[in-house]
Amino acid sequence: MYCKNCGNNIDDNTVICPKCGVATGKSTIADQNKTNTLAIVGFVLSFLVAIAGLICSVIARKQIRESGEKGMGLATAGMIISIISLVLEFISIIIYIVTFAALIA
């Protein structure tokens, strides 16, 4: 394999080019054992601010697919909880509007 930065021939399992020090894009075992931070943030935010939790969880799932980190379940749960919260908020707003309109009429 060749380094994308300097073009030197390097071993296929190399994570960082020994010539120029640039990452080759290969993930290490340490990367695969850590939980994606954005998945945790997305899960927590899904309870507090649903739209922010949804955005963070979607981004976290994409990062996890690319990096091989842990946390896919957290990101998925964050997405589901956020979507349910948004739907319930939307329904409650509609009920509020309909009730208020009925009181005025």
PDB file of N, CA and C in Angstrom:
ATOM      1  N   MET A   1       0.856  -1.167   0.000  1.00  0.00           N
ATOM      2  CA  MET A   1       0.000   0.000   0.000  1.00  0.00           C
ATOM      3  C   MET A   1       0.904   1.232   0.000  1.00  0.00           C
ATOM      4  N   TYR A   2       0.410   2.296  -0.585  1.00  0.00           N
ATOM      5  CA  TYR A   2       1.161   3.545  -0.651  1.00  0.00           C
ATOM      6  C   TYR A   2       0.480   4.615   0.199  1.00  0.00           C
ATOM      7  N   CYS A   3       1.293   5.438   0.853  1.00  0.00           N
ATOM      8  CA  CYS A   3       0.778   6.542   1.669  1.00  0.00           C
ATOM      9  C   CYS A   3       0.114   7.570   0.750  1.00  0.00           C
ATOM     10  N   LYS A   4      -1.087   8.010   1.155  1.00  0.00           N
ATOM     11  CA  LYS A   4      -1.815   9.002   0.353  1.00  0.00           C
ATOM     12  C   LYS A   4      -1.151  10.373   0.412  1.00  0.00           C
ATOM     13  N   ASN A   5      -0.347  10.609   1.456  1.00  0.00           N
ATOM     14  CA  ASN A   5       0.272  11.923   1.628  1.00  0.00           C
ATOM     15  C   ASN A   5       1.626  12.017   0.925  1.00  0.00           C
ATOM     16  N   CYS A   6       2.521  11.073   1.257  1.00  0.00           N
ATOM     17  CA  CYS A   6       3.887  11.191   0.723  1.00  0.00           C
ATOM     18  C   CYS A   6       4.182  10.226  -0.415  1.00  0.00           C
ATOM     19  N   GLY A   7       3.323   9.206  -0.611  1.00  0.00           N
ATOM     20  CA  GLY A   7       3.511   8.276  -1.716  1.00  0.00           C
ATOM     21  C   GLY A   7       4.482   7.151  -1.448  1.00  0.00           C
ATOM     22  N   ASN A   8       5.034   7.058  -0.247  1.00  0.00           N
ATOM     23  CA  ASN A   8       5.980   5.982   0.071  1.00  0.00           C
ATOM     24  C   ASN A   8       5.251   4.659   0.240  1.00  0.00           C
ATOM     25  N   ASN A   9       5.944   3.569  -0.094  1.00  0.00           N
ATOM     26  CA  ASN A   9       5.386   2.236   0.075  1.00  0.00           C
ATOM     27  C   ASN A   9       5.424   1.874   1.551  1.00  0.00           C
ATOM     28  N   ILE A  10       4.264   1.512   2.110  1.00  0.00           N
ATOM     29  CA  ILE A  10       4.179   1.144   3.527  1.00  0.00           C
ATOM     30  C   ILE A  10       3.431  -0.178   3.655  1.00  0.00           C
ATOM     31  N   ASP A  11       3.553  -0.802   4.817  1.00  0.00           N
ATOM     32  CA  ASP A  11       2.879  -2.069   5.099  1.00  0.00           C
ATOM     33  C   ASP A  11       1.360  -1.872   5.079  1.00  0.00           C
ATOM     34  N   ASP A  12       0.624  -2.884   4.648  1.00  0.00           N
ATOM     35  CA  ASP A  12      -0.836  -2.781   4.550  1.00  0.00           C
ATOM     36  C   ASP A  12      -1.522  -2.599   5.908  1.00  0.00           C
ATOM     37  N   ASN A  13      -0.922  -3.055   6.988  1.00  0.00           N
ATOM     38  CA  ASN A  13      -1.531  -2.952   8.316  1.00  0.00           C
ATOM     39  C   ASN A  13      -1.116  -1.701   9.080  1.00  0.00           C
ATOM     40  N   THR A  14      -0.338  -0.841   8.457  1.00  0.00           N
ATOM     41  CA  THR A  14       0.153   0.370   9.118  1.00  0.00           C
ATOM     42  C   THR A  14      -0.981   1.363   9.319  1.00  0.00           C
ATOM     43  N   VAL A  15      -1.062   1.913  10.548  1.00  0.00           N
ATOM     44  CA  VAL A  15      -2.098   2.887  10.881  1.00  0.00           C
ATOM     45  C   VAL A  15      -1.605   4.296  10.594  1.00  0.00           C
ATOM     46  N   ILE A  16      -0.310   4.543  10.864  1.00  0.00           N
ATOM     47  CA  ILE A  16       0.302   5.859  10.628  1.00  0.00           C
ATOM     48  C   ILE A  16       1.560   5.654   9.791  1.00  0.00           C
ATOM     49  N   CYS A  17       1.709   6.451   8.759  1.00  0.00           N
ATOM     50  CA  CYS A  17       2.876   6.353   7.883  1.00  0.00           C
ATOM     51  C   CYS A  17       4.145   6.669   8.673  1.00  0.00           C
ATOM     52  N   PRO A  18       5.129   5.772   8.675  1.00  0.00           N
ATOM     53  CA  PRO A  18       6.369   6.030   9.419  1.00  0.00           C
ATOM     54  C   PRO A  18       7.223   7.131   8.781  1.00  0.00           C
ATOM     55  N   LYS A  19       7.006   7.432   7.525  1.00  0.00           N
ATOM     56  CA  LYS A  19       7.799   8.455   6.836  1.00  0.00           C
ATOM     57  C   LYS A  19       7.299   9.869   7.126  1.00  0.00           C
ATOM     58  N   CYS A  20       5.975  10.070   6.997  1.00  0.00           N
ATOM     59  CA  CYS A  20       5.451  11.441   7.132  1.00  0.00           C
ATOM     60  C   CYS A  20       4.547  11.632   8.360  1.00  0.00           C
ATOM     61  N   GLY A  21       4.120  10.528   9.005  1.00  0.00           N
ATOM     62  CA  GLY A  21       3.316  10.641  10.218  1.00  0.00           C
ATOM     63  C   GLY A  21       1.830  10.880   9.998  1.00  0.00           C
ATOM     64  N   VAL A  22       1.345  10.725   8.778  1.00  0.00           N
ATOM     65  CA  VAL A  22      -0.072  10.939   8.477  1.00  0.00           C
ATOM     66  C   VAL A  22      -0.820   9.622   8.637  1.00  0.00           C
ATOM     67  N   ALA A  23      -2.049   9.691   9.197  1.00  0.00           N
ATOM     68  CA  ALA A  23      -2.872   8.501   9.383  1.00  0.00           C
ATOM     69  C   ALA A  23      -3.253   7.916   8.028  1.00  0.00           C
ATOM     70  N   THR A  24      -3.246   6.587   7.942  1.00  0.00           N
ATOM     71  CA  THR A  24      -3.558   5.913   6.684  1.00  0.00           C
ATOM     72  C   THR A  24      -5.046   5.636   6.526  1.00  0.00           C
ATOM     73  N   GLY A  25      -5.817   5.808   7.591  1.00  0.00           N
ATOM     74  CA  GLY A  25      -7.255   5.556   7.526  1.00  0.00           C
ATOM     75  C   GLY A  25      -7.638   4.206   8.097  1.00  0.00           C
ATOM     76  N   LYS A  26      -6.665   3.380   8.442  1.00  0.00           N
ATOM     77  CA  LYS A  26      -6.945   2.094   9.068  1.00  0.00           C
ATOM     78  C   LYS A  26      -7.275   2.327  10.531  1.00  0.00           C
ATOM     79  N   SER A  27      -8.264   1.586  11.053  1.00  0.00           N
ATOM     80  CA  SER A  27      -8.600   1.733  12.469  1.00  0.00           C
ATOM     81  C   SER A  27      -7.786   0.745  13.299  1.00  0.00           C
ATOM     82  N   THR A  28      -7.484   1.141  14.501  1.00  0.00           N
ATOM     83  CA  THR A  28      -6.741   0.274  15.410  1.00  0.00           C
ATOM     84  C   THR A  28      -7.714  -0.470  16.303  1.00  0.00           C
ATOM     85  N   ILE A  29      -7.229  -1.450  17.014  1.00  0.00           N
ATOM     86  CA  ILE A  29      -8.081  -2.194  17.951  1.00  0.00           C
ATOM     87  C   ILE A  29      -8.540  -1.267  19.062  1.00  0.00           C
ATOM     88  N   ALA A  30      -7.727  -0.333  19.466  1.00  0.00           N
ATOM     89  CA  ALA A  30      -8.129   0.622  20.507  1.00  0.00           C
ATOM     90  C   ALA A  30      -9.302   1.470  20.026  1.00  0.00           C
ATOM     91  N   ASP A  31      -9.318   1.847  18.759  1.00  0.00           N
ATOM     92  CA  ASP A  31     -10.438   2.622  18.205  1.00  0.00           C
ATOM     93  C   ASP A  31     -11.723   1.806  18.212  1.00  0.00           C
ATOM     94  N   GLN A  32     -11.611   0.507  17.959  1.00  0.00           N
ATOM     95  CA  GLN A  32     -12.794  -0.338  17.891  1.00  0.00           C
ATOM     96  C   GLN A  32     -13.365  -0.633  19.271  1.00  0.00           C
ATOM     97  N   ASN A  33     -12.568  -0.518  20.326  1.00  0.00           N
ATOM     98  CA  ASN A  33     -13.023  -0.828  21.676  1.00  0.00           C
ATOM     99  C   ASN A  33     -13.625   0.374  22.387  1.00  0.00           C
ATOM    100  N   LYS A  34     -13.481   1.567  21.866  1.00  0.00           N
ATOM    101  CA  LYS A  34     -14.038   2.730  22.558  1.00  0.00           C
ATOM    102  C   LYS A  34     -15.426   3.046  22.027  1.00  0.00           C
ATOM    103  N   THR A  35     -16.243   3.621  22.905  1.00  0.00           N
ATOM    104  CA  THR A  35     -17.601   3.988  22.532  1.00  0.00           C
ATOM    105  C   THR A  35     -17.597   5.380  21.933  1.00  0.00           C
ATOM    106  N   ASN A  36     -18.326   5.541  20.863  1.00  0.00           N
ATOM    107  CA  ASN A  36     -18.423   6.825  20.176  1.00  0.00           C
ATOM    108  C   ASN A  36     -19.047   7.853  21.107  1.00  0.00           C
ATOM    109  N   THR A  37     -18.365   8.955  21.322  1.00  0.00           N
ATOM    110  CA  THR A  37     -18.825  10.000  22.242  1.00  0.00           C
ATOM    111  C   THR A  37     -20.113  10.645  21.754  1.00  0.00           C
ATOM    112  N   LEU A  38     -20.238  10.831  20.474  1.00  0.00           N
ATOM    113  CA  LEU A  38     -21.438  11.469  19.929  1.00  0.00           C
ATOM    114  C   LEU A  38     -22.668  10.581  20.120  1.00  0.00           C
ATOM    115  N   ALA A  39     -22.485   9.265  20.164  1.00  0.00           N
ATOM    116  CA  ALA A  39     -23.603   8.358  20.429  1.00  0.00           C
ATOM    117  C   ALA A  39     -24.120   8.563  21.849  1.00  0.00           C
ATOM    118  N   ILE A  40     -23.207   8.740  22.786  1.00  0.00           N
ATOM    119  CA  ILE A  40     -23.598   8.988  24.178  1.00  0.00           C
ATOM    120  C   ILE A  40     -24.309  10.329  24.286  1.00  0.00           C
ATOM    121  N   VAL A  41     -23.747  11.355  23.654  1.00  0.00           N
ATOM    122  CA  VAL A  41     -24.350  12.694  23.682  1.00  0.00           C
ATOM    123  C   VAL A  41     -25.737  12.663  23.036  1.00  0.00           C
ATOM    124  N   GLY A  42     -25.877  11.992  21.917  1.00  0.00           N
ATOM    125  CA  GLY A  42     -27.161  11.891  21.233  1.00  0.00           C
ATOM    126  C   GLY A  42     -28.208  11.188  22.076  1.00  0.00           C
ATOM    127  N   PHE A  43     -27.793  10.138  22.781  1.00  0.00           N
ATOM    128  CA  PHE A  43     -28.719   9.408  23.644  1.00  0.00           C
ATOM    129  C   PHE A  43     -29.216  10.293  24.780  1.00  0.00           C
ATOM    130  N   VAL A  44     -28.301  11.004  25.428  1.00  0.00           N
ATOM    131  CA  VAL A  44     -28.684  11.878  26.538  1.00  0.00           C
ATOM    132  C   VAL A  44     -29.559  13.025  26.042  1.00  0.00           C
ATOM    133  N   LEU A  45     -29.171  13.632  24.931  1.00  0.00           N
ATOM    134  CA  LEU A  45     -29.947  14.753  24.397  1.00  0.00           C
ATOM    135  C   LEU A  45     -31.334  14.341  23.917  1.00  0.00           C
ATOM    136  N   SER A  46     -31.505  13.074  23.582  1.00  0.00           N
ATOM    137  CA  SER A  46     -32.823  12.628  23.119  1.00  0.00           C
ATOM    138  C   SER A  46     -33.875  12.798  24.207  1.00  0.00           C
ATOM    139  N   PHE A  47     -33.469  12.785  25.463  1.00  0.00           N
ATOM    140  CA  PHE A  47     -34.394  13.004  26.573  1.00  0.00           C
ATOM    141  C   PHE A  47     -34.602  14.491  26.860  1.00  0.00           C
ATOM    142  N   LEU A  48     -33.632  15.304  26.514  1.00  0.00           N
ATOM    143  CA  LEU A  48     -33.677  16.726  26.870  1.00  0.00           C
ATOM    144  C   LEU A  48     -34.137  17.611  25.711  1.00  0.00           C
ATOM    145  N   VAL A  49     -33.468  17.505  24.591  1.00  0.00           N
ATOM    146  CA  VAL A  49     -33.791  18.299  23.393  1.00  0.00           C
ATOM    147  C   VAL A  49     -33.842  17.311  22.231  1.00  0.00           C
ATOM    148  N   ALA A  50     -35.057  16.910  21.865  1.00  0.00           N
ATOM    149  CA  ALA A  50     -35.236  15.793  20.930  1.00  0.00           C
ATOM    150  C   ALA A  50     -34.563  16.024  19.588  1.00  0.00           C
ATOM    151  N   ILE A  51     -34.684  17.213  19.022  1.00  0.00           N
ATOM    152  CA  ILE A  51     -34.118  17.450  17.689  1.00  0.00           C
ATOM    153  C   ILE A  51     -32.587  17.374  17.721  1.00  0.00           C
ATOM    154  N   ALA A  52     -31.983  17.895  18.781  1.00  0.00           N
ATOM    155  CA  ALA A  52     -30.517  17.818  18.912  1.00  0.00           C
ATOM    156  C   ALA A  52     -30.075  16.365  19.113  1.00  0.00           C
ATOM    157  N   GLY A  53     -30.850  15.607  19.889  1.00  0.00           N
ATOM    158  CA  GLY A  53     -30.541  14.190  20.088  1.00  0.00           C
ATOM    159  C   GLY A  53     -30.626  13.404  18.799  1.00  0.00           C
ATOM    160  N   LEU A  54     -31.624  13.731  17.983  1.00  0.00           N
ATOM    161  CA  LEU A  54     -31.785  13.048  16.698  1.00  0.00           C
ATOM    162  C   LEU A  54     -30.605  13.345  15.773  1.00  0.00           C
ATOM    163  N   ILE A  55     -30.227  14.596  15.684  1.00  0.00           N
ATOM    164  CA  ILE A  55     -29.109  14.988  14.815  1.00  0.00           C
ATOM    165  C   ILE A  55     -27.808  14.317  15.264  1.00  0.00           C
ATOM    166  N   CYS A  56     -27.526  14.376  16.561  1.00  0.00           N
ATOM    167  CA  CYS A  56     -26.295  13.765  17.082  1.00  0.00           C
ATOM    168  C   CYS A  56     -26.286  12.254  16.858  1.00  0.00           C
ATOM    169  N   SER A  57     -27.434  11.615  17.062  1.00  0.00           N
ATOM    170  CA  SER A  57     -27.510  10.162  16.907  1.00  0.00           C
ATOM    171  C   SER A  57     -27.314   9.737  15.460  1.00  0.00           C
ATOM    172  N   VAL A  58     -27.874  10.491  14.531  1.00  0.00           N
ATOM    173  CA  VAL A  58     -27.702  10.160  13.105  1.00  0.00           C
ATOM    174  C   VAL A  58     -26.229  10.300  12.705  1.00  0.00           C
ATOM    175  N   ILE A  59     -25.597  11.370  13.150  1.00  0.00           N
ATOM    176  CA  ILE A  59     -24.177  11.572  12.839  1.00  0.00           C
ATOM    177  C   ILE A  59     -23.328  10.491  13.488  1.00  0.00           C
ATOM    178  N   ALA A  60     -23.676  10.121  14.724  1.00  0.00           N
ATOM    179  CA  ALA A  60     -22.924   9.086  15.434  1.00  0.00           C
ATOM    180  C   ALA A  60     -23.011   7.750  14.705  1.00  0.00           C
ATOM    181  N   ARG A  61     -24.194   7.386  14.211  1.00  0.00           N
ATOM    182  CA  ARG A  61     -24.336   6.123  13.478  1.00  0.00           C
ATOM    183  C   ARG A  61     -23.438   6.106  12.236  1.00  0.00           C
ATOM    184  N   LYS A  62     -23.359   7.234  11.542  1.00  0.00           N
ATOM    185  CA  LYS A  62     -22.497   7.316  10.357  1.00  0.00           C
ATOM    186  C   LYS A  62     -21.022   7.153  10.756  1.00  0.00           C
ATOM    187  N   GLN A  63     -20.623   7.829  11.837  1.00  0.00           N
ATOM    188  CA  GLN A  63     -19.242   7.723  12.302  1.00  0.00           C
ATOM    189  C   GLN A  63     -18.910   6.294  12.734  1.00  0.00           C
ATOM    190  N   ILE A  64     -19.839   5.643  13.410  1.00  0.00           N
ATOM    191  CA  ILE A  64     -19.606   4.283  13.900  1.00  0.00           C
ATOM    192  C   ILE A  64     -19.445   3.311  12.737  1.00  0.00           C
ATOM    193  N   ARG A  65     -20.263   3.470  11.696  1.00  0.00           N
ATOM    194  CA  ARG A  65     -20.128   2.603  10.521  1.00  0.00           C
ATOM    195  C   ARG A  65     -18.758   2.754   9.869  1.00  0.00           C
ATOM    196  N   GLU A  66     -18.226   3.984   9.880  1.00  0.00           N
ATOM    197  CA  GLU A  66     -16.928   4.226   9.232  1.00  0.00           C
ATOM    198  C   GLU A  66     -15.753   3.812  10.105  1.00  0.00           C
ATOM    199  N   SER A  67     -15.868   4.012  11.428  1.00  0.00           N
ATOM    200  CA  SER A  67     -14.719   3.796  12.307  1.00  0.00           C
ATOM    201  C   SER A  67     -14.704   2.442  12.992  1.00  0.00           C
ATOM    202  N   GLY A  68     -15.856   1.788  13.123  1.00  0.00           N
ATOM    203  CA  GLY A  68     -15.905   0.508  13.811  1.00  0.00           C
ATOM    204  C   GLY A  68     -15.965   0.636  15.327  1.00  0.00           C
ATOM    205  N   GLU A  69     -16.224   1.837  15.834  1.00  0.00           N
ATOM    206  CA  GLU A  69     -16.325   2.033  17.274  1.00  0.00           C
ATOM    207  C   GLU A  69     -17.584   1.362  17.808  1.00  0.00           C
ATOM    208  N   LYS A  70     -17.681   1.289  19.122  1.00  0.00           N
ATOM    209  CA  LYS A  70     -18.885   0.785  19.775  1.00  0.00           C
ATOM    210  C   LYS A  70     -19.877   1.935  19.930  1.00  0.00           C
ATOM    211  N   GLY A  71     -21.143   1.590  20.221  1.00  0.00           N
ATOM    212  CA  GLY A  71     -22.139   2.607  20.488  1.00  0.00           C
ATOM    213  C   GLY A  71     -23.269   2.655  19.482  1.00  0.00           C
ATOM    214  N   MET A  72     -23.337   1.680  18.575  1.00  0.00           N
ATOM    215  CA  MET A  72     -24.412   1.675  17.579  1.00  0.00           C
ATOM    216  C   MET A  72     -25.771   1.559  18.265  1.00  0.00           C
ATOM    217  N   GLY A  73     -25.864   0.769  19.325  1.00  0.00           N
ATOM    218  CA  GLY A  73     -27.123   0.627  20.058  1.00  0.00           C
ATOM    219  C   GLY A  73     -27.549   1.923  20.727  1.00  0.00           C
ATOM    220  N   LEU A  74     -26.586   2.638  21.304  1.00  0.00           N
ATOM    221  CA  LEU A  74     -26.894   3.927  21.921  1.00  0.00           C
ATOM    222  C   LEU A  74     -27.387   4.926  20.879  1.00  0.00           C
ATOM    223  N   ALA A  75     -26.730   4.961  19.754  1.00  0.00           N
ATOM    224  CA  ALA A  75     -27.120   5.892  18.696  1.00  0.00           C
ATOM    225  C   ALA A  75     -28.505   5.545  18.153  1.00  0.00           C
ATOM    226  N   THR A  76     -28.779   4.260  17.986  1.00  0.00           N
ATOM    227  CA  THR A  76     -30.089   3.833  17.503  1.00  0.00           C
ATOM    228  C   THR A  76     -31.176   4.169  18.518  1.00  0.00           C
ATOM    229  N   ALA A  77     -30.905   3.898  19.789  1.00  0.00           N
ATOM    230  CA  ALA A  77     -31.870   4.229  20.844  1.00  0.00           C
ATOM    231  C   ALA A  77     -32.111   5.735  20.905  1.00  0.00           C
ATOM    232  N   GLY A  78     -31.054   6.519  20.750  1.00  0.00           N
ATOM    233  CA  GLY A  78     -31.194   7.971  20.735  1.00  0.00           C
ATOM    234  C   GLY A  78     -32.075   8.436  19.590  1.00  0.00           C
ATOM    235  N   MET A  79     -31.925   7.809  18.418  1.00  0.00           N
ATOM    236  CA  MET A  79     -32.768   8.156  17.273  1.00  0.00           C
ATOM    237  C   MET A  79     -34.229   7.814  17.553  1.00  0.00           C
ATOM    238  N   ILE A  80     -34.478   6.619  18.060  1.00  0.00           N
ATOM    239  CA  ILE A  80     -35.855   6.174  18.303  1.00  0.00           C
ATOM    240  C   ILE A  80     -36.531   7.046  19.357  1.00  0.00           C
ATOM    241  N   ILE A  81     -35.839   7.304  20.452  1.00  0.00           N
ATOM    242  CA  ILE A  81     -36.412   8.133  21.519  1.00  0.00           C
ATOM    243  C   ILE A  81     -36.675   9.545  21.010  1.00  0.00           C
ATOM    244  N   SER A  82     -35.753  10.089  20.233  1.00  0.00           N
ATOM    245  CA  SER A  82     -35.934  11.440  19.681  1.00  0.00           C
ATOM    246  C   SER A  82     -37.137  11.500  18.754  1.00  0.00           C
ATOM    247  N   ILE A  83     -37.279  10.511  17.886  1.00  0.00           N
ATOM    248  CA  ILE A  83     -38.399  10.500  16.950  1.00  0.00           C
ATOM    249  C   ILE A  83     -39.722  10.389  17.697  1.00  0.00           C
ATOM    250  N   ILE A  84     -39.788   9.499  18.681  1.00  0.00           N
ATOM    251  CA  ILE A  84     -41.015   9.360  19.472  1.00  0.00           C
ATOM    252  C   ILE A  84     -41.325  10.663  20.201  1.00  0.00           C
ATOM    253  N   SER A  85     -40.315  11.295  20.779  1.00  0.00           N
ATOM    254  CA  SER A  85     -40.527  12.567  21.479  1.00  0.00           C
ATOM    255  C   SER A  85     -41.035  13.653  20.531  1.00  0.00           C
ATOM    256  N   LEU A  86     -40.460  13.730  19.344  1.00  0.00           N
ATOM    257  CA  LEU A  86     -40.895  14.729  18.366  1.00  0.00           C
ATOM    258  C   LEU A  86     -42.333  14.483  17.915  1.00  0.00           C
ATOM    259  N   VAL A  87     -42.695  13.230  17.704  1.00  0.00           N
ATOM    260  CA  VAL A  87     -44.066  12.912  17.298  1.00  0.00           C
ATOM    261  C   VAL A  87     -45.044  13.281  18.411  1.00  0.00           C
ATOM    262  N   LEU A  88     -44.700  12.931  19.655  1.00  0.00           N
ATOM    263  CA  LEU A  88     -45.575  13.267  20.783  1.00  0.00           C
ATOM    264  C   LEU A  88     -45.697  14.781  20.967  1.00  0.00           C
ATOM    265  N   GLU A  89     -44.607  15.498  20.781  1.00  0.00           N
ATOM    266  CA  GLU A  89     -44.665  16.958  20.873  1.00  0.00           C
ATOM    267  C   GLU A  89     -45.558  17.538  19.776  1.00  0.00           C
ATOM    268  N   PHE A  90     -45.437  17.016  18.573  1.00  0.00           N
ATOM    269  CA  PHE A  90     -46.257  17.483  17.464  1.00  0.00           C
ATOM    270  C   PHE A  90     -47.741  17.221  17.730  1.00  0.00           C
ATOM    271  N   ILE A  91     -48.064  16.021  18.221  1.00  0.00           N
ATOM    272  CA  ILE A  91     -49.447  15.683  18.542  1.00  0.00           C
ATOM    273  C   ILE A  91     -49.986  16.581  19.645  1.00  0.00           C
ATOM    274  N   SER A  92     -49.168  16.833  20.672  1.00  0.00           N
ATOM    275  CA  SER A  92     -49.637  17.689  21.770  1.00  0.00           C
ATOM    276  C   SER A  92     -49.859  19.134  21.298  1.00  0.00           C
ATOM    277  N   ILE A  93     -49.056  19.614  20.380  1.00  0.00           N
ATOM    278  CA  ILE A  93     -49.255  20.964  19.830  1.00  0.00           C
ATOM    279  C   ILE A  93     -50.560  21.020  19.041  1.00  0.00           C
ATOM    280  N   ILE A  94     -50.830  19.985  18.248  1.00  0.00           N
ATOM    281  CA  ILE A  94     -52.082  19.949  17.484  1.00  0.00           C
ATOM    282  C   ILE A  94     -53.274  19.913  18.436  1.00  0.00           C
ATOM    283  N   ILE A  95     -53.213  19.104  19.475  1.00  0.00           N
ATOM    284  CA  ILE A  95     -54.309  19.029  20.451  1.00  0.00           C
ATOM    285  C   ILE A  95     -54.500  20.377  21.133  1.00  0.00           C
ATOM    286  N   TYR A  96     -53.417  21.024  21.470  1.00  0.00           N
ATOM    287  CA  TYR A  96     -53.492  22.334  22.108  1.00  0.00           C
ATOM    288  C   TYR A  96     -54.163  23.353  21.179  1.00  0.00           C
ATOM    289  N   ILE A  97     -53.789  23.358  19.911  1.00  0.00           N
ATOM    290  CA  ILE A  97     -54.355  24.302  18.952  1.00  0.00           C
ATOM    291  C   ILE A  97     -55.850  24.032  18.748  1.00  0.00           C
ATOM    292  N   VAL A  98     -56.210  22.757  18.602  1.00  0.00           N
ATOM    293  CA  VAL A  98     -57.615  22.401  18.397  1.00  0.00           C
ATOM    294  C   VAL A  98     -58.436  22.774  19.626  1.00  0.00           C
ATOM    295  N   THR A  99     -57.924  22.502  20.815  1.00  0.00           N
ATOM    296  CA  THR A  99     -58.638  22.844  22.049  1.00  0.00           C
ATOM    297  C   THR A  99     -58.786  24.343  22.186  1.00  0.00           C
ATOM    298  N   PHE A 100     -57.760  25.088  21.915  1.00  0.00           N
ATOM    299  CA  PHE A 100     -57.807  26.536  22.020  1.00  0.00           C
ATOM    300  C   PHE A 100     -58.795  27.117  21.003  1.00  0.00           C
ATOM    301  N   ALA A 101     -58.796  26.561  19.793  1.00  0.00           N
ATOM    302  CA  ALA A 101     -59.730  27.034  18.756  1.00  0.00           C
ATOM    303  C   ALA A 101     -61.170  26.736  19.150  1.00  0.00           C
ATOM    304  N   ALA A 102     -61.407  25.598  19.807  1.00  0.00           N
ATOM    305  CA  ALA A 102     -62.757  25.245  20.238  1.00  0.00           C
ATOM    306  C   ALA A 102     -63.225  26.166  21.360  1.00  0.00           C
ATOM    307  N   LEU A 103     -62.315  26.607  22.214  1.00  0.00           N
ATOM    308  CA  LEU A 103     -62.679  27.526  23.298  1.00  0.00           C
ATOM    309  C   LEU A 103     -63.011  28.909  22.776  1.00  0.00           C
ATOM    310  N   ILE A 104     -62.321  29.316  21.730  1.00  0.00           N
ATOM    311  CA  ILE A 104     -62.556  30.650  21.163  1.00  0.00           C
ATOM    312  C   ILE A 104     -63.886  30.665  20.414  1.00  0.00           C
ATOM    313  N   ALA A 105     -64.216  29.595  19.718  1.00  0.00           N
ATOM    314  CA  ALA A 105     -65.435  29.561  18.886  1.00  0.00           C
ATOM    315  C   ALA A 105     -66.670  29.407  19.680  1.00  0.00           C
TER     316      ALA A 105
END
